[in-house]
Amino acid sequence: TDRGRRFFVEFETDEACPLDFLDDPTIVLFFASWAFSVQFGAMHE
């Protein structure tokens, strides 16, 4: 949240993941959202 993210990745561990996205991961959310909307007839690219 401090990095201004709108797409979040959490792990069920007390250890912090040493890896991070190198750029804004919101594109993953966009893709997943459009992929989900296929069942409703979405035709976005």
All heavy atoms as atom14 arrays in JSON, in Angstrom:
{
  "sequence": "TDRGRRFFVEFETDEACPLDFLDDPTIVLFFASWAFSVQFGAMHE",
  "atom14_mask": [
    [1, 1, 1, 1, 1, 1, 1, 0, 0, 0, 0, 0, 0, 0],
    [1, 1, 1, 1, 1, 1, 1, 1, 0, 0, 0, 0, 0, 0],
    [1, 1, 1, 1, 1, 1, 1, 1, 1, 1, 1, 0, 0, 0],
    [1, 1, 1, 1, 0, 0, 0, 0, 0, 0, 0, 0, 0, 0],
    [1, 1, 1, 1, 1, 1, 1, 1, 1, 1, 1, 0, 0, 0],
    [1, 1, 1, 1, 1, 1, 1, 1, 1, 1, 1, 0, 0, 0],
    [1, 1, 1, 1, 1, 1, 1, 1, 1, 1, 1, 0, 0, 0],
    [1, 1, 1, 1, 1, 1, 1, 1, 1, 1, 1, 0, 0, 0],
    [1, 1, 1, 1, 1, 1, 1, 0, 0, 0, 0, 0, 0, 0],
    [1, 1, 1, 1, 1, 1, 1, 1, 1, 0, 0, 0, 0, 0],
    [1, 1, 1, 1, 1, 1, 1, 1, 1, 1, 1, 0, 0, 0],
    [1, 1, 1, 1, 1, 1, 1, 1, 1, 0, 0, 0, 0, 0],
    [1, 1, 1, 1, 1, 1, 1, 0, 0, 0, 0, 0, 0, 0],
    [1, 1, 1, 1, 1, 1, 1, 1, 0, 0, 0, 0, 0, 0],
    [1, 1, 1, 1, 1, 1, 1, 1, 1, 0, 0, 0, 0, 0],
    [1, 1, 1, 1, 1, 0, 0, 0, 0, 0, 0, 0, 0, 0],
    [1, 1, 1, 1, 1, 1, 0, 0, 0, 0, 0, 0, 0, 0],
    [1, 1, 1, 1, 1, 1, 1, 0, 0, 0, 0, 0, 0, 0],
    [1, 1, 1, 1, 1, 1, 1, 1, 0, 0, 0, 0, 0, 0],
    [1, 1, 1, 1, 1, 1, 1, 1, 0, 0, 0, 0, 0, 0],
    [1, 1, 1, 1, 1, 1, 1, 1, 1, 1, 1, 0, 0, 0],
    [1, 1, 1, 1, 1, 1, 1, 1, 0, 0, 0, 0, 0, 0],
    [1, 1, 1, 1, 1, 1, 1, 1, 0, 0, 0, 0, 0, 0],
    [1, 1, 1, 1, 1, 1, 1, 1, 0, 0, 0, 0, 0, 0],
    [1, 1, 1, 1, 1, 1, 1, 0, 0, 0, 0, 0, 0, 0],
    [1, 1, 1, 1, 1, 1, 1, 0, 0, 0, 0, 0, 0, 0],
    [1, 1, 1, 1, 1, 1, 1, 1, 0, 0, 0, 0, 0, 0],
    [1, 1, 1, 1, 1, 1, 1, 0, 0, 0, 0, 0, 0, 0],
    [1, 1, 1, 1, 1, 1, 1, 1, 0, 0, 0, 0, 0, 0],
    [1, 1, 1, 1, 1, 1, 1, 1, 1, 1, 1, 0, 0, 0],
    [1, 1, 1, 1, 1, 1, 1, 1, 1, 1, 1, 0, 0, 0],
    [1, 1, 1, 1, 1, 0, 0, 0, 0, 0, 0, 0, 0, 0],
    [1, 1, 1, 1, 1, 1, 0, 0, 0, 0, 0, 0, 0, 0],
    [1, 1, 1, 1, 1, 1, 1, 1, 1, 1, 1, 1, 1, 1],
    [1, 1, 1, 1, 1, 0, 0, 0, 0, 0, 0, 0, 0, 0],
    [1, 1, 1, 1, 1, 1, 1, 1, 1, 1, 1, 0, 0, 0],
    [1, 1, 1, 1, 1, 1, 0, 0, 0, 0, 0, 0, 0, 0],
    [1, 1, 1, 1, 1, 1, 1, 0, 0, 0, 0, 0, 0, 0],
    [1, 1, 1, 1, 1, 1, 1, 1, 1, 0, 0, 0, 0, 0],
    [1, 1, 1, 1, 1, 1, 1, 1, 1, 1, 1, 0, 0, 0],
    [1, 1, 1, 1, 0, 0, 0, 0, 0, 0, 0, 0, 0, 0],
    [1, 1, 1, 1, 1, 0, 0, 0, 0, 0, 0, 0, 0, 0],
    [1, 1, 1, 1, 1, 1, 1, 1, 0, 0, 0, 0, 0, 0],
    [1, 1, 1, 1, 1, 1, 1, 1, 1, 1, 0, 0, 0, 0],
    [1, 1, 1, 1, 1, 1, 1, 1, 1, 0, 0, 0, 0, 0]
  ],
  "atom14_positions": [
    [[0.84, -1.2, 0.0], [0.0, 0.0, 0.0], [0.87, 1.25, 0.0], [0.58, 2.22, -0.7], [-0.94, 0.0, 1.22], [-1.76, -1.17, 1.16], [-1.83, 1.23, 1.24], [0.0, 0.0, 0.0], [0.0, 0.0, 0.0], [0.0, 0.0, 0.0], [0.0, 0.0, 0.0], [0.0, 0.0, 0.0], [0.0, 0.0, 0.0], [0.0, 0.0, 0.0]],
    [[1.96, 1.22, 0.78], [2.87, 2.36, 0.82], [3.45, 2.66, -0.55], [3.81, 3.8, -0.85], [4.01, 2.11, 1.81], [3.54, 2.17, 3.26], [2.4, 2.64, 3.5], [4.3, 1.72, 4.14], [0.0, 0.0, 0.0], [0.0, 0.0, 0.0], [0.0, 0.0, 0.0], [0.0, 0.0, 0.0], [0.0, 0.0, 0.0], [0.0, 0.0, 0.0]],
    [[3.55, 1.65, -1.41], [4.07, 1.86, -2.77], [2.96, 2.3, -3.74], [3.19, 2.41, -4.93], [4.69, 0.55, -3.28], [5.95, 0.18, -2.54], [6.59, -1.04, -3.17], [7.59, -1.56, -2.28], [7.56, -2.77, -1.71], [6.58, -3.59, -1.97], [8.51, -3.15, -0.91], [0.0, 0.0, 0.0], [0.0, 0.0, 0.0], [0.0, 0.0, 0.0]],
    [[1.76, 2.48, -3.22], [0.65, 2.94, -4.06], [0.01, 1.85, -4.89], [-0.66, 2.12, -5.88], [0.0, 0.0, 0.0], [0.0, 0.0, 0.0], [0.0, 0.0, 0.0], [0.0, 0.0, 0.0], [0.0, 0.0, 0.0], [0.0, 0.0, 0.0], [0.0, 0.0, 0.0], [0.0, 0.0, 0.0], [0.0, 0.0, 0.0], [0.0, 0.0, 0.0]],
    [[0.18, 0.61, -4.49], [-0.36, -0.51, -5.26], [-1.87, -0.61, -5.12], [-2.45, -0.23, -4.12], [0.25, -1.83, -4.78], [1.73, -1.9, -5.03], [2.09, -3.12, -5.83], [3.49, -3.09, -6.18], [4.38, -3.93, -5.7], [4.03, -4.87, -4.88], [5.63, -3.84, -6.09], [0.0, 0.0, 0.0], [0.0, 0.0, 0.0], [0.0, 0.0, 0.0]],
    [[-2.47, -1.16, -6.15], [-3.9, -1.48, -6.12], [-4.11, -2.98, -6.29], [-5.2, -3.48, -6.12], [-4.63, -0.72, -7.22], [-4.57, 0.77, -6.97], [-5.47, 1.52, -7.91], [-5.35, 2.94, -7.67], [-6.3, 3.66, -7.09], [-7.4, 3.12, -6.7], [-6.13, 4.95, -6.92], [0.0, 0.0, 0.0], [0.0, 0.0, 0.0], [0.0, 0.0, 0.0]],
    [[-3.06, -3.7, -6.64], [-3.07, -5.14, -6.81], [-2.12, -5.72, -5.76], [-0.96, -5.3, -5.7], [-2.61, -5.5, -8.23], [-2.5, -6.97, -8.48], [-3.62, -7.78, -8.5], [-1.27, -7.55, -8.71], [-3.52, -9.14, -8.75], [-1.15, -8.91, -8.97], [-2.28, -9.69, -8.98], [0.0, 0.0, 0.0], [0.0, 0.0, 0.0], [0.0, 0.0, 0.0]],
    [[-2.61, -6.65, -4.96], [-1.84, -7.13, -3.81], [-1.58, -8.63, -3.9], [-2.43, -9.4, -4.34], [-2.59, -6.84, -2.51], [-2.82, -5.38, -2.28], [-3.97, -4.76, -2.75], [-1.88, -4.6, -1.63], [-4.19, -3.41, -2.56], [-2.09, -3.25, -1.44], [-3.24, -2.65, -1.91], [0.0, 0.0, 0.0], [0.0, 0.0, 0.0], [0.0, 0.0, 0.0]],
    [[-0.39, -9.02, -3.43], [0.0, -10.41, -3.34], [0.37, -10.66, -1.88], [1.23, -9.96, -1.33], [1.22, -10.71, -4.24], [1.6, -12.18, -4.15], [0.94, -10.31, -5.68], [0.0, 0.0, 0.0], [0.0, 0.0, 0.0], [0.0, 0.0, 0.0], [0.0, 0.0, 0.0], [0.0, 0.0, 0.0], [0.0, 0.0, 0.0], [0.0, 0.0, 0.0]],
    [[-0.29, -11.64, -1.27], [-0.01, -11.99, 0.12], [0.37, -13.46, 0.21], [-0.11, -14.27, -0.59], [-1.25, -11.8, 1.0], [-1.73, -10.39, 1.11], [-3.05, -10.35, 1.86], [-3.01, -10.24, 3.1], [-4.09, -10.45, 1.2], [0.0, 0.0, 0.0], [0.0, 0.0, 0.0], [0.0, 0.0, 0.0], [0.0, 0.0, 0.0], [0.0, 0.0, 0.0]],
    [[1.17, -13.78, 1.2], [1.58, -15.16, 1.42], [1.25, -15.55, 2.85], [1.38, -14.74, 3.76], [3.08, -15.32, 1.16], [3.47, -14.85, -0.2], [4.11, -13.65, -0.39], [3.15, -15.6, -1.32], [4.45, -13.2, -1.66], [3.48, -15.17, -2.59], [4.13, -13.96, -2.76], [0.0, 0.0, 0.0], [0.0, 0.0, 0.0], [0.0, 0.0, 0.0]],
    [[0.85, -16.78, 3.03], [0.49, -17.29, 4.35], [1.76, -17.72, 5.09], [1.97, -18.9, 5.36], [-0.45, -18.48, 4.18], [-1.73, -18.33, 4.9], [-2.66, -19.5, 4.68], [-2.26, -20.55, 4.15], [-3.81, -19.35, 5.06], [0.0, 0.0, 0.0], [0.0, 0.0, 0.0], [0.0, 0.0, 0.0], [0.0, 0.0, 0.0], [0.0, 0.0, 0.0]],
    [[2.58, -16.75, 5.39], [3.81, -16.98, 6.14], [4.19, -15.68, 6.83], [3.83, -14.61, 6.35], [4.95, -17.47, 5.23], [6.12, -17.66, 6.01], [5.24, -16.52, 4.1], [0.0, 0.0, 0.0], [0.0, 0.0, 0.0], [0.0, 0.0, 0.0], [0.0, 0.0, 0.0], [0.0, 0.0, 0.0], [0.0, 0.0, 0.0], [0.0, 0.0, 0.0]],
    [[4.9, -15.79, 7.93], [5.36, -14.59, 8.62], [6.61, -14.01, 7.96], [7.0, -12.88, 8.25], [5.67, -14.9, 10.09], [4.4, -15.16, 10.88], [3.34, -14.64, 10.48], [4.46, -15.9, 11.87], [0.0, 0.0, 0.0], [0.0, 0.0, 0.0], [0.0, 0.0, 0.0], [0.0, 0.0, 0.0], [0.0, 0.0, 0.0], [0.0, 0.0, 0.0]],
    [[7.22, -14.78, 7.1], [8.42, -14.35, 6.39], [8.05, -13.42, 5.24], [7.11, -13.69, 4.5], [9.13, -15.57, 5.82], [10.58, -15.68, 6.2], [11.18, -16.93, 5.6], [10.77, -18.02, 6.0], [12.06, -16.78, 4.74], [0.0, 0.0, 0.0], [0.0, 0.0, 0.0], [0.0, 0.0, 0.0], [0.0, 0.0, 0.0], [0.0, 0.0, 0.0]],
    [[8.78, -12.34, 5.09], [8.55, -11.43, 3.96], [9.18, -12.02, 2.7], [10.31, -12.5, 2.73], [9.16, -10.07, 4.24], [0.0, 0.0, 0.0], [0.0, 0.0, 0.0], [0.0, 0.0, 0.0], [0.0, 0.0, 0.0], [0.0, 0.0, 0.0], [0.0, 0.0, 0.0], [0.0, 0.0, 0.0], [0.0, 0.0, 0.0], [0.0, 0.0, 0.0]],
    [[8.45, -11.98, 1.62], [8.99, -12.46, 0.35], [10.11, -11.54, -0.09], [9.94, -10.32, -0.13], [7.88, -12.49, -0.7], [8.43, -13.09, -2.31], [0.0, 0.0, 0.0], [0.0, 0.0, 0.0], [0.0, 0.0, 0.0], [0.0, 0.0, 0.0], [0.0, 0.0, 0.0], [0.0, 0.0, 0.0], [0.0, 0.0, 0.0], [0.0, 0.0, 0.0]],
    [[11.26, -12.09, -0.44], [12.38, -11.26, -0.87], [12.25, -10.73, -2.3], [13.05, -9.92, -2.73], [13.58, -12.2, -0.75], [13.0, -13.56, -0.98], [11.61, -13.51, -0.39], [0.0, 0.0, 0.0], [0.0, 0.0, 0.0], [0.0, 0.0, 0.0], [0.0, 0.0, 0.0], [0.0, 0.0, 0.0], [0.0, 0.0, 0.0], [0.0, 0.0, 0.0]],
    [[11.23, -11.2, -3.0], [11.03, -10.81, -4.4], [9.93, -9.77, -4.5], [9.04, -9.71, -3.65], [10.66, -12.04, -5.23], [11.64, -13.21, -5.13], [11.08, -14.43, -5.82], [12.98, -12.82, -5.71], [0.0, 0.0, 0.0], [0.0, 0.0, 0.0], [0.0, 0.0, 0.0], [0.0, 0.0, 0.0], [0.0, 0.0, 0.0], [0.0, 0.0, 0.0]],
    [[9.97, -8.98, -5.55], [8.94, -7.98, -5.78], [8.8, -7.76, -7.28], [9.62, -8.21, -8.07], [9.33, -6.66, -5.09], [8.15, -5.72, -4.88], [7.03, -6.02, -5.36], [8.35, -4.67, -4.25], [0.0, 0.0, 0.0], [0.0, 0.0, 0.0], [0.0, 0.0, 0.0], [0.0, 0.0, 0.0], [0.0, 0.0, 0.0], [0.0, 0.0, 0.0]],
    [[7.75, -7.08, -7.65], [7.57, -6.7, -9.05], [8.57, -5.6, -9.4], [8.83, -4.72, -8.58], [6.14, -6.17, -9.27], [5.08, -7.22, -9.11], [4.29, -7.26, -7.97], [4.87, -8.17, -10.1], [3.3, -8.22, -7.82], [3.88, -9.13, -9.96], [3.1, -9.16, -8.82], [0.0, 0.0, 0.0], [0.0, 0.0, 0.0], [0.0, 0.0, 0.0]],
    [[9.09, -5.65, -10.6], [10.03, -4.63, -11.05], [9.33, -3.39, -11.59], [9.98, -2.36, -11.8], [10.98, -5.21, -12.1], [11.86, -6.36, -11.6], [12.74, -6.89, -12.72], [12.7, -5.92, -10.41], [0.0, 0.0, 0.0], [0.0, 0.0, 0.0], [0.0, 0.0, 0.0], [0.0, 0.0, 0.0], [0.0, 0.0, 0.0], [0.0, 0.0, 0.0]],
    [[8.02, -3.5, -11.82], [7.23, -2.38, -12.3], [5.8, -2.59, -11.81], [5.5, -3.61, -11.2], [7.28, -2.31, -13.83], [6.97, -0.92, -14.38], [6.53, -0.04, -13.61], [7.16, -0.71, -15.59], [0.0, 0.0, 0.0], [0.0, 0.0, 0.0], [0.0, 0.0, 0.0], [0.0, 0.0, 0.0], [0.0, 0.0, 0.0], [0.0, 0.0, 0.0]],
    [[4.93, -1.67, -12.09], [3.55, -1.71, -11.62], [2.87, -3.02, -12.01], [2.75, -3.33, -13.2], [2.8, -0.52, -12.19], [1.37, -0.39, -11.7], [0.93, -1.22, -10.87], [0.69, 0.54, -12.14], [0.0, 0.0, 0.0], [0.0, 0.0, 0.0], [0.0, 0.0, 0.0], [0.0, 0.0, 0.0], [0.0, 0.0, 0.0], [0.0, 0.0, 0.0]],
    [[2.38, -3.8, -11.03], [1.74, -5.08, -11.34], [0.26, -4.98, -11.71], [-0.39, -5.99, -11.95], [1.9, -5.86, -10.03], [1.81, -4.8, -8.99], [2.52, -3.6, -9.59], [0.0, 0.0, 0.0], [0.0, 0.0, 0.0], [0.0, 0.0, 0.0], [0.0, 0.0, 0.0], [0.0, 0.0, 0.0], [0.0, 0.0, 0.0], [0.0, 0.0, 0.0]],
    [[-0.28, -3.78, -11.78], [-1.71, -3.62, -12.06], [-2.11, -4.27, -13.38], [-3.26, -4.7, -13.53], [-2.1, -2.13, -12.03], [-1.65, -1.56, -10.8], [-3.59, -1.95, -12.15], [0.0, 0.0, 0.0], [0.0, 0.0, 0.0], [0.0, 0.0, 0.0], [0.0, 0.0, 0.0], [0.0, 0.0, 0.0], [0.0, 0.0, 0.0], [0.0, 0.0, 0.0]],
    [[-1.21, -4.39, -14.33], [-1.5, -5.04, -15.6], [-1.98, -6.47, -15.39], [-2.82, -6.98, -16.14], [-0.29, -4.98, -16.58], [-0.66, -5.55, -17.96], [0.89, -5.73, -16.02], [-1.66, -4.75, -18.71], [0.0, 0.0, 0.0], [0.0, 0.0, 0.0], [0.0, 0.0, 0.0], [0.0, 0.0, 0.0], [0.0, 0.0, 0.0], [0.0, 0.0, 0.0]],
    [[-1.48, -7.15, -14.35], [-1.92, -8.51, -14.05], [-3.4, -8.49, -13.65], [-4.18, -9.34, -14.08], [-1.06, -9.15, -12.94], [-1.58, -10.54, -12.57], [0.4, -9.23, -13.38], [0.0, 0.0, 0.0], [0.0, 0.0, 0.0], [0.0, 0.0, 0.0], [0.0, 0.0, 0.0], [0.0, 0.0, 0.0], [0.0, 0.0, 0.0], [0.0, 0.0, 0.0]],
    [[-3.78, -7.51, -12.83], [-5.18, -7.37, -12.43], [-6.05, -7.05, -13.65], [-7.14, -7.62, -13.8], [-5.33, -6.28, -11.38], [-6.76, -5.95, -10.94], [-7.44, -7.17, -10.32], [-6.75, -4.77, -9.99], [0.0, 0.0, 0.0], [0.0, 0.0, 0.0], [0.0, 0.0, 0.0], [0.0, 0.0, 0.0], [0.0, 0.0, 0.0], [0.0, 0.0, 0.0]],
    [[-5.59, -6.17, -14.52], [-6.36, -5.85, -15.74], [-6.6, -7.11, -16.56], [-7.72, -7.38, -16.99], [-5.64, -4.82, -16.61], [-5.56, -3.44, -16.02], [-4.6, -2.56, -16.49], [-6.4, -3.0, -15.02], [-4.5, -1.28, -15.98], [-6.31, -1.72, -14.49], [-5.35, -0.86, -14.98], [0.0, 0.0, 0.0], [0.0, 0.0, 0.0], [0.0, 0.0, 0.0]],
    [[-5.54, -7.87, -16.78], [-5.67, -9.09, -17.57], [-6.63, -10.07, -16.9], [-7.53, -10.62, -17.55], [-4.31, -9.74, -17.79], [-4.4, -11.04, -18.54], [-4.67, -11.06, -19.9], [-4.26, -12.25, -17.88], [-4.78, -12.25, -20.6], [-4.37, -13.45, -18.56], [-4.64, -13.45, -19.92], [0.0, 0.0, 0.0], [0.0, 0.0, 0.0], [0.0, 0.0, 0.0]],
    [[-6.44, -10.3, -15.6], [-7.3, -11.25, -14.89], [-8.76, -10.79, -14.93], [-9.67, -11.6, -15.1], [-6.82, -11.41, -13.45], [0.0, 0.0, 0.0], [0.0, 0.0, 0.0], [0.0, 0.0, 0.0], [0.0, 0.0, 0.0], [0.0, 0.0, 0.0], [0.0, 0.0, 0.0], [0.0, 0.0, 0.0], [0.0, 0.0, 0.0], [0.0, 0.0, 0.0]],
    [[-8.99, -9.5, -14.78], [-10.35, -8.97, -14.81], [-11.0, -9.17, -16.17], [-12.16, -9.59, -16.28], [-10.35, -7.48, -14.46], [-9.89, -7.29, -13.16], [0.0, 0.0, 0.0], [0.0, 0.0, 0.0], [0.0, 0.0, 0.0], [0.0, 0.0, 0.0], [0.0, 0.0, 0.0], [0.0, 0.0, 0.0], [0.0, 0.0, 0.0], [0.0, 0.0, 0.0]],
    [[-10.26, -8.87, -17.22], [-10.81, -9.07, -18.56], [-10.98, -10.55, -18.86], [-11.97, -10.96, -19.5], [-9.96, -8.39, -19.62], [-10.2, -6.91, -19.66], [-9.33, -5.92, -19.33], [-11.42, -6.26, -20.03], [-9.93, -4.69, -19.47], [-11.22, -4.88, -19.89], [-12.66, -6.71, -20.46], [-12.21, -3.94, -20.18], [-13.64, -5.78, -20.74], [-13.41, -4.42, -20.6]],
    [[-10.05, -11.38, -18.4], [-10.18, -12.83, -18.6], [-11.43, -13.35, -17.89], [-12.16, -14.18, -18.43], [-8.93, -13.54, -18.1], [0.0, 0.0, 0.0], [0.0, 0.0, 0.0], [0.0, 0.0, 0.0], [0.0, 0.0, 0.0], [0.0, 0.0, 0.0], [0.0, 0.0, 0.0], [0.0, 0.0, 0.0], [0.0, 0.0, 0.0], [0.0, 0.0, 0.0]],
    [[-11.69, -12.85, -16.7], [-12.88, -13.26, -15.95], [-14.14, -12.83, -16.68], [-15.15, -13.54, -16.71], [-12.84, -12.65, -14.54], [-13.99, -13.05, -13.68], [-14.0, -14.27, -13.02], [-15.09, -12.21, -13.52], [-15.07, -14.65, -12.23], [-16.17, -12.58, -12.74], [-16.15, -13.8, -12.09], [0.0, 0.0, 0.0], [0.0, 0.0, 0.0], [0.0, 0.0, 0.0]],
    [[-14.1, -11.67, -17.3], [-15.29, -11.11, -17.95], [-15.66, -11.83, -19.25], [-16.74, -11.6, -19.79], [-15.11, -9.62, -18.21], [-14.15, -9.41, -19.22], [0.0, 0.0, 0.0], [0.0, 0.0, 0.0], [0.0, 0.0, 0.0], [0.0, 0.0, 0.0], [0.0, 0.0, 0.0], [0.0, 0.0, 0.0], [0.0, 0.0, 0.0], [0.0, 0.0, 0.0]],
    [[-14.81, -12.71, -19.73], [-15.11, -13.46, -20.95], [-16.43, -14.21, -20.8], [-17.24, -14.26, -21.73], [-13.96, -14.44, -21.3], [-14.38, -15.47, -22.33], [-12.75, -13.68, -21.77], [0.0, 0.0, 0.0], [0.0, 0.0, 0.0], [0.0, 0.0, 0.0], [0.0, 0.0, 0.0], [0.0, 0.0, 0.0], [0.0, 0.0, 0.0], [0.0, 0.0, 0.0]],
    [[-16.67, -14.76, -19.63], [-17.9, -15.52, -19.4], [-19.17, -14.67, -19.54], [-20.26, -15.19, -19.69], [-17.86, -16.19, -18.03], [-17.84, -15.21, -16.87], [-17.63, -15.9, -15.54], [-18.2, -16.94, -15.29], [-16.79, -15.32, -14.7], [0.0, 0.0, 0.0], [0.0, 0.0, 0.0], [0.0, 0.0, 0.0], [0.0, 0.0, 0.0], [0.0, 0.0, 0.0]],
    [[-18.99, -13.35, -19.49], [-20.12, -12.44, -19.65], [-20.16, -11.81, -21.04], [-20.91, -10.87, -21.29], [-20.06, -11.35, -18.58], [-20.0, -11.89, -17.19], [-18.84, -11.78, -16.44], [-21.09, -12.55, -16.63], [-18.76, -12.3, -15.17], [-21.03, -13.07, -15.35], [-19.87, -12.95, -14.62], [0.0, 0.0, 0.0], [0.0, 0.0, 0.0], [0.0, 0.0, 0.0]],
    [[-19.3, -12.31, -21.94], [-19.32, -11.84, -23.32], [-18.39, -10.67, -23.61], [-18.52, -10.04, -24.66], [0.0, 0.0, 0.0], [0.0, 0.0, 0.0], [0.0, 0.0, 0.0], [0.0, 0.0, 0.0], [0.0, 0.0, 0.0], [0.0, 0.0, 0.0], [0.0, 0.0, 0.0], [0.0, 0.0, 0.0], [0.0, 0.0, 0.0], [0.0, 0.0, 0.0]],
    [[-17.44, -10.37, -22.74], [-16.53, -9.25, -22.96], [-15.73, -9.46, -24.24], [-15.31, -10.56, -24.55], [-15.58, -9.09, -21.78], [0.0, 0.0, 0.0], [0.0, 0.0, 0.0], [0.0, 0.0, 0.0], [0.0, 0.0, 0.0], [0.0, 0.0, 0.0], [0.0, 0.0, 0.0], [0.0, 0.0, 0.0], [0.0, 0.0, 0.0], [0.0, 0.0, 0.0]],
    [[-15.48, -8.37, -24.95], [-14.74, -8.44, -26.19], [-13.54, -7.5, -26.22], [-13.01, -7.21, -27.28], [-15.66, -8.14, -27.38], [-16.6, -9.29, -27.69], [-15.72, -10.73, -28.35], [-15.63, -11.83, -26.95], [0.0, 0.0, 0.0], [0.0, 0.0, 0.0], [0.0, 0.0, 0.0], [0.0, 0.0, 0.0], [0.0, 0.0, 0.0], [0.0, 0.0, 0.0]],
    [[-13.11, -7.03, -25.06], [-11.88, -6.24, -24.97], [-10.73, -7.11, -25.49], [-10.79, -8.34, -25.43], [-11.65, -5.86, -23.49], [-10.49, -4.97, -23.27], [-9.2, -5.46, -23.14], [-10.4, -3.64, -23.13], [-8.37, -4.45, -22.92], [-9.08, -3.33, -22.91], [0.0, 0.0, 0.0], [0.0, 0.0, 0.0], [0.0, 0.0, 0.0], [0.0, 0.0, 0.0]],
    [[-9.7, -6.49, -26.01], [-8.59, -7.28, -26.57], [-7.96, -8.21, -25.54], [-7.53, -9.32, -25.87], [-7.53, -6.41, -27.24], [-6.89, -5.38, -26.35], [-7.54, -4.01, -26.42], [-8.62, -3.86, -26.98], [-6.91, -3.06, -25.91], [0.0, 0.0, 0.0], [0.0, 0.0, 0.0], [0.0, 0.0, 0.0], [0.0, 0.0, 0.0], [0.0, 0.0, 0.0]]
  ]
}
